[in-house]
Amino acid sequence: MKAMILAAGLGTRMRPLTDHCPKPLLPVAGKPLIVHHLERLSKAGIHEVVINVSYRAEQIIDALEDGHQHGVSIAWSREASPLETGGGIRHALPLLGEAPFLLINGDIWCDADLSDLPTLNNDLAHLWLVDNPAHHPEGDFHLDDGGRVQTVGTPRLTFAGLSLLDPALVAGQMPGAFALAPLLCDAMIAGRVGGHHHRGHWIDVGTPERLRQLDTWLKGGTPPLRG
């Protein structure tokens, strides 16, 4: 199985830290944030990784090269300007192939076990969902007792930025910039999205404060607040 890490964003919420450094290279516990993903993938036996890049792309490519030093092989999907999540995946399909792949938002940290992944069967996606963080109390989706993800219903959970996707979810879209969320919602309405509640550690590393919290925790300090 291949994995794709989303790393093409501008990192505007991280400014001024990202004025001169792309968000994937911001240091956490002595190594770039994206390296934590690469090492976790390698440990799980996932060695083929596609990374999309746009903002300060050459800095990221120069830092990671072909990925061998982290136990993976990286294929780079370059975007002249950020294509959003859906467009970025659509642009990378020639590198991803036709089999389901693991998708990871580059600005999260999660301790999920990636060595035992679900199967999609007839689904188009499987989502990791977490308890709602303080900055997103309303959540995103409902997970029913049968493991189906729904656009409506309570209680609601937050999408963790970690998913298993069938390329068919985006393959029929025209190239260009577009969001992934509407396609996921359409697939949910069609009954083709599964999920599970991840109860381990997870944080959306979207602001300098949450980056500092994660850094402190991984260095042996207090665990960060949820999300």
C-alpha atoms as a PDB file:
ATOM      1  CA  MET A   1       0.000   0.000   0.000  1.00  0.00           C
ATOM      2  CA  LYS A   2       1.057   3.560  -0.718  1.00  0.00           C
ATOM      3  CA  ALA A   3       0.549   6.623   1.449  1.00  0.00           C
ATOM      4  CA  MET A   4       0.103  10.270   0.525  1.00  0.00           C
ATOM      5  CA  ILE A   5       1.069  13.126   2.825  1.00  0.00           C
ATOM      6  CA  LEU A   6      -0.533  16.505   2.163  1.00  0.00           C
ATOM      7  CA  ALA A   7       2.206  19.135   2.369  1.00  0.00           C
ATOM      8  CA  ALA A   8       1.318  21.792  -0.216  1.00  0.00           C
ATOM      9  CA  GLY A   9      -0.453  24.322   1.994  1.00  0.00           C
ATOM     10  CA  LEU A  10       0.685  27.852   2.690  1.00  0.00           C
ATOM     11  CA  GLY A  11       0.710  27.401   6.472  1.00  0.00           C
ATOM     12  CA  THR A  12      -0.997  30.738   7.063  1.00  0.00           C
ATOM     13  CA  ARG A  13      -2.204  29.801  10.561  1.00  0.00           C
ATOM     14  CA  MET A  14       1.411  29.113  11.539  1.00  0.00           C
ATOM     15  CA  ARG A  15       2.743  32.557  10.646  1.00  0.00           C
ATOM     16  CA  PRO A  16       5.233  33.997  11.391  1.00  0.00           C
ATOM     17  CA  LEU A  17       6.897  30.561  11.760  1.00  0.00           C
ATOM     18  CA  THR A  18       6.098  29.701   8.144  1.00  0.00           C
ATOM     19  CA  ASP A  19       7.233  32.988   6.619  1.00  0.00           C
ATOM     20  CA  HIS A  20      10.556  31.365   5.772  1.00  0.00           C
ATOM     21  CA  CYS A  21      10.018  27.693   6.614  1.00  0.00           C
ATOM     22  CA  PRO A  22       7.278  25.485   5.151  1.00  0.00           C
ATOM     23  CA  LYS A  23       5.032  23.951   7.800  1.00  0.00           C
ATOM     24  CA  PRO A  24       6.122  20.322   7.170  1.00  0.00           C
ATOM     25  CA  LEU A  25       9.687  21.252   8.158  1.00  0.00           C
ATOM     26  CA  LEU A  26       8.825  22.983  11.430  1.00  0.00           C
ATOM     27  CA  PRO A  27      10.734  21.151  14.175  1.00  0.00           C
ATOM     28  CA  VAL A  28       8.976  18.986  16.755  1.00  0.00           C
ATOM     29  CA  ALA A  29      11.062  17.168  19.358  1.00  0.00           C
ATOM     30  CA  GLY A  30      14.221  17.585  17.341  1.00  0.00           C
ATOM     31  CA  LYS A  31      12.982  16.623  13.882  1.00  0.00           C
ATOM     32  CA  PRO A  32      10.690  18.112  11.208  1.00  0.00           C
ATOM     33  CA  LEU A  33       7.007  17.405  11.710  1.00  0.00           C
ATOM     34  CA  ILE A  34       6.775  15.505   8.425  1.00  0.00           C
ATOM     35  CA  VAL A  35       9.619  13.182   9.466  1.00  0.00           C
ATOM     36  CA  HIS A  36       7.451  11.882  12.303  1.00  0.00           C
ATOM     37  CA  HIS A  37       4.963  10.767   9.629  1.00  0.00           C
ATOM     38  CA  LEU A  38       7.640   9.163   7.470  1.00  0.00           C
ATOM     39  CA  GLU A  39       9.122   7.227  10.366  1.00  0.00           C
ATOM     40  CA  ARG A  40       5.702   6.008  11.503  1.00  0.00           C
ATOM     41  CA  LEU A  41       4.882   4.860   7.969  1.00  0.00           C
ATOM     42  CA  SER A  42       8.187   3.047   7.614  1.00  0.00           C
ATOM     43  CA  LYS A  43       7.698   1.311  10.961  1.00  0.00           C
ATOM     44  CA  ALA A  44       4.257   0.159   9.797  1.00  0.00           C
ATOM     45  CA  GLY A  45       5.714  -1.337   6.621  1.00  0.00           C
ATOM     46  CA  ILE A  46       4.444   1.377   4.285  1.00  0.00           C
ATOM     47  CA  HIS A  47       7.457   2.428   2.252  1.00  0.00           C
ATOM     48  CA  GLU A  48       6.039   4.096  -0.885  1.00  0.00           C
ATOM     49  CA  VAL A  49       5.018   7.658  -0.112  1.00  0.00           C
ATOM     50  CA  VAL A  50       3.666  10.414  -2.349  1.00  0.00           C
ATOM     51  CA  ILE A  51       4.030  13.976  -1.039  1.00  0.00           C
ATOM     52  CA  ASN A  52       2.422  16.972  -2.727  1.00  0.00           C
ATOM     53  CA  VAL A  53       4.309  20.228  -2.491  1.00  0.00           C
ATOM     54  CA  SER A  54       3.780  23.825  -3.598  1.00  0.00           C
ATOM     55  CA  TYR A  55       4.730  26.537  -1.094  1.00  0.00           C
ATOM     56  CA  ARG A  56       8.523  26.471  -0.622  1.00  0.00           C
ATOM     57  CA  ALA A  57       8.533  23.132  -2.388  1.00  0.00           C
ATOM     58  CA  GLU A  58      12.273  23.046  -3.003  1.00  0.00           C
ATOM     59  CA  GLN A  59      13.011  23.438   0.709  1.00  0.00           C
ATOM     60  CA  ILE A  60      10.949  20.344   1.466  1.00  0.00           C
ATOM     61  CA  ILE A  61      12.427  18.328  -1.397  1.00  0.00           C
ATOM     62  CA  ASP A  62      15.986  19.313  -0.483  1.00  0.00           C
ATOM     63  CA  ALA A  63      15.407  18.337   3.140  1.00  0.00           C
ATOM     64  CA  LEU A  64      13.858  14.923   2.480  1.00  0.00           C
ATOM     65  CA  GLU A  65      15.375  14.005  -0.901  1.00  0.00           C
ATOM     66  CA  ASP A  66      14.133  10.557  -1.939  1.00  0.00           C
ATOM     67  CA  GLY A  67      13.245   9.548   1.615  1.00  0.00           C
ATOM     68  CA  HIS A  68      15.782   6.748   1.963  1.00  0.00           C
ATOM     69  CA  GLN A  69      17.220   8.201   5.179  1.00  0.00           C
ATOM     70  CA  HIS A  70      13.792   7.742   6.780  1.00  0.00           C
ATOM     71  CA  GLY A  71      13.131   4.260   5.423  1.00  0.00           C
ATOM     72  CA  VAL A  72      10.748   5.241   2.624  1.00  0.00           C
ATOM     73  CA  SER A  73      10.771   6.061  -1.090  1.00  0.00           C
ATOM     74  CA  ILE A  74       9.224   9.447  -1.874  1.00  0.00           C
ATOM     75  CA  ALA A  75       7.548  10.448  -5.139  1.00  0.00           C
ATOM     76  CA  TRP A  76       6.966  14.199  -5.374  1.00  0.00           C
ATOM     77  CA  SER A  77       3.733  15.664  -6.733  1.00  0.00           C
ATOM     78  CA  ARG A  78       4.456  19.297  -7.566  1.00  0.00           C
ATOM     79  CA  GLU A  79       1.680  21.876  -7.707  1.00  0.00           C
ATOM     80  CA  ALA A  80       2.299  25.281  -9.287  1.00  0.00           C
ATOM     81  CA  SER A  81      -0.177  26.651  -6.753  1.00  0.00           C
ATOM     82  CA  PRO A  82      -2.004  24.738  -4.005  1.00  0.00           C
ATOM     83  CA  LEU A  83      -4.848  22.640  -5.424  1.00  0.00           C
ATOM     84  CA  GLU A  84      -6.689  22.042  -2.130  1.00  0.00           C
ATOM     85  CA  THR A  85      -7.039  18.533  -0.775  1.00  0.00           C
ATOM     86  CA  GLY A  86      -9.222  17.041  -3.498  1.00  0.00           C
ATOM     87  CA  GLY A  87      -7.356  18.691  -6.347  1.00  0.00           C
ATOM     88  CA  GLY A  88      -4.025  17.701  -4.856  1.00  0.00           C
ATOM     89  CA  ILE A  89      -5.046  14.052  -4.698  1.00  0.00           C
ATOM     90  CA  ARG A  90      -6.464  14.181  -8.243  1.00  0.00           C
ATOM     91  CA  HIS A  91      -3.174  15.657  -9.491  1.00  0.00           C
ATOM     92  CA  ALA A  92      -1.193  12.892  -7.755  1.00  0.00           C
ATOM     93  CA  LEU A  93      -3.226   9.948  -9.102  1.00  0.00           C
ATOM     94  CA  PRO A  94      -0.598   8.972 -11.705  1.00  0.00           C
ATOM     95  CA  LEU A  95       1.807   8.435  -8.798  1.00  0.00           C
ATOM     96  CA  LEU A  96      -0.719   6.763  -6.509  1.00  0.00           C
ATOM     97  CA  GLY A  97      -2.109   4.190  -8.913  1.00  0.00           C
ATOM     98  CA  GLU A  98      -5.509   2.527  -8.721  1.00  0.00           C
ATOM     99  CA  ALA A  99      -5.310   0.774  -5.348  1.00  0.00           C
ATOM    100  CA  PRO A 100      -6.580   2.272  -2.071  1.00  0.00           C
ATOM    101  CA  PHE A 101      -4.022   4.435  -0.291  1.00  0.00           C
ATOM    102  CA  LEU A 102      -3.525   6.001   3.122  1.00  0.00           C
ATOM    103  CA  LEU A 103      -3.963   9.790   3.223  1.00  0.00           C
ATOM    104  CA  ILE A 104      -2.372  11.843   5.999  1.00  0.00           C
ATOM    105  CA  ASN A 105      -2.785  15.554   6.611  1.00  0.00           C
ATOM    106  CA  GLY A 106       0.730  16.884   7.075  1.00  0.00           C
ATOM    107  CA  ASP A 107      -0.272  19.109   9.988  1.00  0.00           C
ATOM    108  CA  ILE A 108      -1.525  16.468  12.412  1.00  0.00           C
ATOM    109  CA  TRP A 109       0.217  14.189  14.895  1.00  0.00           C
ATOM    110  CA  CYS A 110      -1.462  10.887  15.720  1.00  0.00           C
ATOM    111  CA  ASP A 111      -0.372   7.684  17.442  1.00  0.00           C
ATOM    112  CA  ALA A 112      -2.711   5.452  15.406  1.00  0.00           C
ATOM    113  CA  ASP A 113      -1.375   1.980  14.593  1.00  0.00           C
ATOM    114  CA  LEU A 114      -0.825   2.047  10.833  1.00  0.00           C
ATOM    115  CA  SER A 115       0.341  -1.574  10.610  1.00  0.00           C
ATOM    116  CA  ASP A 116      -3.224  -2.951  10.805  1.00  0.00           C
ATOM    117  CA  LEU A 117      -5.367  -1.023   8.357  1.00  0.00           C
ATOM    118  CA  PRO A 118      -9.038  -1.626   7.541  1.00  0.00           C
ATOM    119  CA  THR A 119     -10.252  -2.856   4.168  1.00  0.00           C
ATOM    120  CA  LEU A 120     -12.553  -0.724   2.065  1.00  0.00           C
ATOM    121  CA  ASN A 121     -14.539  -3.495   0.369  1.00  0.00           C
ATOM    122  CA  ASN A 122     -17.188  -1.454  -1.497  1.00  0.00           C
ATOM    123  CA  ASP A 123     -16.494   1.766   0.381  1.00  0.00           C
ATOM    124  CA  LEU A 124     -14.778   4.790  -1.096  1.00  0.00           C
ATOM    125  CA  ALA A 125     -13.241   5.890   2.201  1.00  0.00           C
ATOM    126  CA  HIS A 126     -12.557   4.932   5.794  1.00  0.00           C
ATOM    127  CA  LEU A 127     -12.020   7.779   8.264  1.00  0.00           C
ATOM    128  CA  TRP A 128     -10.244   7.979  11.600  1.00  0.00           C
ATOM    129  CA  LEU A 129     -12.424  10.093  13.907  1.00  0.00           C
ATOM    130  CA  VAL A 130     -11.478  11.596  17.274  1.00  0.00           C
ATOM    131  CA  ASP A 131     -13.145  13.357  20.183  1.00  0.00           C
ATOM    132  CA  ASN A 132     -13.882  16.979  19.370  1.00  0.00           C
ATOM    133  CA  PRO A 133     -11.037  19.361  20.288  1.00  0.00           C
ATOM    134  CA  ALA A 134     -11.678  22.614  22.127  1.00  0.00           C
ATOM    135  CA  HIS A 135     -11.186  24.638  18.947  1.00  0.00           C
ATOM    136  CA  HIS A 136     -13.742  22.517  17.021  1.00  0.00           C
ATOM    137  CA  PRO A 137     -16.423  21.558  19.571  1.00  0.00           C
ATOM    138  CA  GLU A 138     -19.183  20.946  17.016  1.00  0.00           C
ATOM    139  CA  GLY A 139     -17.295  18.111  15.319  1.00  0.00           C
ATOM    140  CA  ASP A 140     -17.610  17.002  11.699  1.00  0.00           C
ATOM    141  CA  PHE A 141     -19.501  13.721  11.319  1.00  0.00           C
ATOM    142  CA  HIS A 142     -21.593  11.130  13.127  1.00  0.00           C
ATOM    143  CA  LEU A 143     -20.326   7.566  13.499  1.00  0.00           C
ATOM    144  CA  ASP A 144     -23.198   5.127  13.882  1.00  0.00           C
ATOM    145  CA  ASP A 145     -23.166   1.808  15.712  1.00  0.00           C
ATOM    146  CA  GLY A 146     -22.477  -0.036  12.479  1.00  0.00           C
ATOM    147  CA  GLY A 147     -19.270   1.875  11.785  1.00  0.00           C
ATOM    148  CA  ARG A 148     -20.823   4.016   9.065  1.00  0.00           C
ATOM    149  CA  VAL A 149     -19.930   7.715   8.874  1.00  0.00           C
ATOM    150  CA  GLN A 150     -22.901  10.026   8.409  1.00  0.00           C
ATOM    151  CA  THR A 151     -23.254  13.709   7.592  1.00  0.00           C
ATOM    152  CA  VAL A 152     -26.078  14.050  10.129  1.00  0.00           C
ATOM    153  CA  GLY A 153     -26.727  12.667  13.589  1.00  0.00           C
ATOM    154  CA  THR A 154     -25.345  12.947  17.099  1.00  0.00           C
ATOM    155  CA  PRO A 155     -23.010  12.605  18.829  1.00  0.00           C
ATOM    156  CA  ARG A 156     -20.506  14.017  16.419  1.00  0.00           C
ATOM    157  CA  LEU A 157     -16.777  13.412  16.129  1.00  0.00           C
ATOM    158  CA  THR A 158     -13.943  15.258  14.401  1.00  0.00           C
ATOM    159  CA  PHE A 159     -12.184  13.955  11.302  1.00  0.00           C
ATOM    160  CA  ALA A 160      -8.596  13.281  12.333  1.00  0.00           C
ATOM    161  CA  GLY A 161      -7.010  14.065   8.967  1.00  0.00           C
ATOM    162  CA  LEU A 162      -6.179  10.380   8.521  1.00  0.00           C
ATOM    163  CA  SER A 163      -8.076   8.229   6.047  1.00  0.00           C
ATOM    164  CA  LEU A 164      -7.972   5.299   3.688  1.00  0.00           C
ATOM    165  CA  LEU A 165      -9.229   6.310   0.246  1.00  0.00           C
ATOM    166  CA  ASP A 166     -10.157   4.654  -3.018  1.00  0.00           C
ATOM    167  CA  PRO A 167      -8.752   6.734  -5.901  1.00  0.00           C
ATOM    168  CA  ALA A 168     -12.186   6.469  -7.548  1.00  0.00           C
ATOM    169  CA  LEU A 169     -13.385   9.069  -5.037  1.00  0.00           C
ATOM    170  CA  VAL A 170     -11.622  11.812  -7.012  1.00  0.00           C
ATOM    171  CA  ALA A 171     -10.749  10.167 -10.327  1.00  0.00           C
ATOM    172  CA  GLY A 172     -13.872  11.427 -12.086  1.00  0.00           C
ATOM    173  CA  GLN A 173     -13.237  15.071 -11.215  1.00  0.00           C
ATOM    174  CA  MET A 174     -11.759  17.588 -13.597  1.00  0.00           C
ATOM    175  CA  PRO A 175      -8.147  18.558 -12.809  1.00  0.00           C
ATOM    176  CA  GLY A 176      -7.741  21.752 -10.823  1.00  0.00           C
ATOM    177  CA  ALA A 177      -8.313  23.016  -7.311  1.00  0.00           C
ATOM    178  CA  PHE A 178     -11.230  21.519  -5.391  1.00  0.00           C
ATOM    179  CA  ALA A 179     -12.059  20.418  -1.856  1.00  0.00           C
ATOM    180  CA  LEU A 180     -12.297  16.806  -0.750  1.00  0.00           C
ATOM    181  CA  ALA A 181     -15.028  17.293   1.874  1.00  0.00           C
ATOM    182  CA  PRO A 182     -17.996  17.584  -0.545  1.00  0.00           C
ATOM    183  CA  LEU A 183     -16.968  14.340  -2.254  1.00  0.00           C
ATOM    184  CA  LEU A 184     -16.719  12.582   1.106  1.00  0.00           C
ATOM    185  CA  CYS A 185     -20.162  13.873   2.062  1.00  0.00           C
ATOM    186  CA  ASP A 186     -21.650  12.592  -1.209  1.00  0.00           C
ATOM    187  CA  ALA A 187     -20.059   9.199  -0.552  1.00  0.00           C
ATOM    188  CA  MET A 188     -21.488   9.192   3.001  1.00  0.00           C
ATOM    189  CA  ILE A 189     -24.982   9.877   1.670  1.00  0.00           C
ATOM    190  CA  ALA A 190     -24.480   6.948  -0.717  1.00  0.00           C
ATOM    191  CA  GLY A 191     -23.517   4.752   2.253  1.00  0.00           C
ATOM    192  CA  ARG A 192     -19.923   4.233   1.108  1.00  0.00           C
ATOM    193  CA  VAL A 193     -17.863   5.695   3.967  1.00  0.00           C
ATOM    194  CA  GLY A 194     -16.833   3.723   7.033  1.00  0.00           C
ATOM    195  CA  GLY A 195     -14.869   4.850  10.043  1.00  0.00           C
ATOM    196  CA  HIS A 196     -13.802   4.214  13.583  1.00  0.00           C
ATOM    197  CA  HIS A 197     -13.259   6.207  16.768  1.00  0.00           C
ATOM    198  CA  HIS A 198      -9.559   6.638  17.513  1.00  0.00           C
ATOM    199  CA  ARG A 199      -9.189   7.121  21.259  1.00  0.00           C
ATOM    200  CA  GLY A 200      -5.428   7.560  21.425  1.00  0.00           C
ATOM    201  CA  HIS A 201      -3.345  10.704  21.193  1.00  0.00           C
ATOM    202  CA  TRP A 202      -4.049  13.128  18.362  1.00  0.00           C
ATOM    203  CA  ILE A 203      -3.404  16.818  17.832  1.00  0.00           C
ATOM    204  CA  ASP A 204      -4.102  19.242  15.015  1.00  0.00           C
ATOM    205  CA  VAL A 205      -0.742  20.997  14.808  1.00  0.00           C
ATOM    206  CA  GLY A 206      -2.302  24.028  13.182  1.00  0.00           C
ATOM    207  CA  THR A 207      -1.068  26.899  15.342  1.00  0.00           C
ATOM    208  CA  PRO A 208       2.242  27.879  16.960  1.00  0.00           C
ATOM    209  CA  GLU A 209       0.757  27.210  20.416  1.00  0.00           C
ATOM    210  CA  ARG A 210      -0.305  23.650  19.569  1.00  0.00           C
ATOM    211  CA  LEU A 211       3.078  23.067  17.951  1.00  0.00           C
ATOM    212  CA  ARG A 212       4.729  24.103  21.228  1.00  0.00           C
ATOM    213  CA  GLN A 213       2.407  21.815  23.200  1.00  0.00           C
ATOM    214  CA  LEU A 214       3.309  18.820  21.038  1.00  0.00           C
ATOM    215  CA  ASP A 215       7.017  19.624  21.192  1.00  0.00           C
ATOM    216  CA  THR A 216       6.932  19.834  24.994  1.00  0.00           C
ATOM    217  CA  TRP A 217       5.028  16.552  25.313  1.00  0.00           C
ATOM    218  CA  LEU A 218       7.261  14.561  22.959  1.00  0.00           C
ATOM    219  CA  LYS A 219      10.266  15.791  24.912  1.00  0.00           C
ATOM    220  CA  GLY A 220       8.793  14.252  28.065  1.00  0.00           C
ATOM    221  CA  GLY A 221       6.453  16.938  29.297  1.00  0.00           C
ATOM    222  CA  THR A 222       2.713  17.148  29.853  1.00  0.00           C
ATOM    223  CA  PRO A 223       0.509  15.639  27.108  1.00  0.00           C
ATOM    224  CA  PRO A 224      -1.166  18.324  24.995  1.00  0.00           C
ATOM    225  CA  LEU A 225      -4.822  19.091  25.385  1.00  0.00           C
ATOM    226  CA  ARG A 226      -6.988  17.143  22.922  1.00  0.00           C
ATOM    227  CA  GLY A 227      -6.584  18.695  19.465  1.00  0.00           C
END
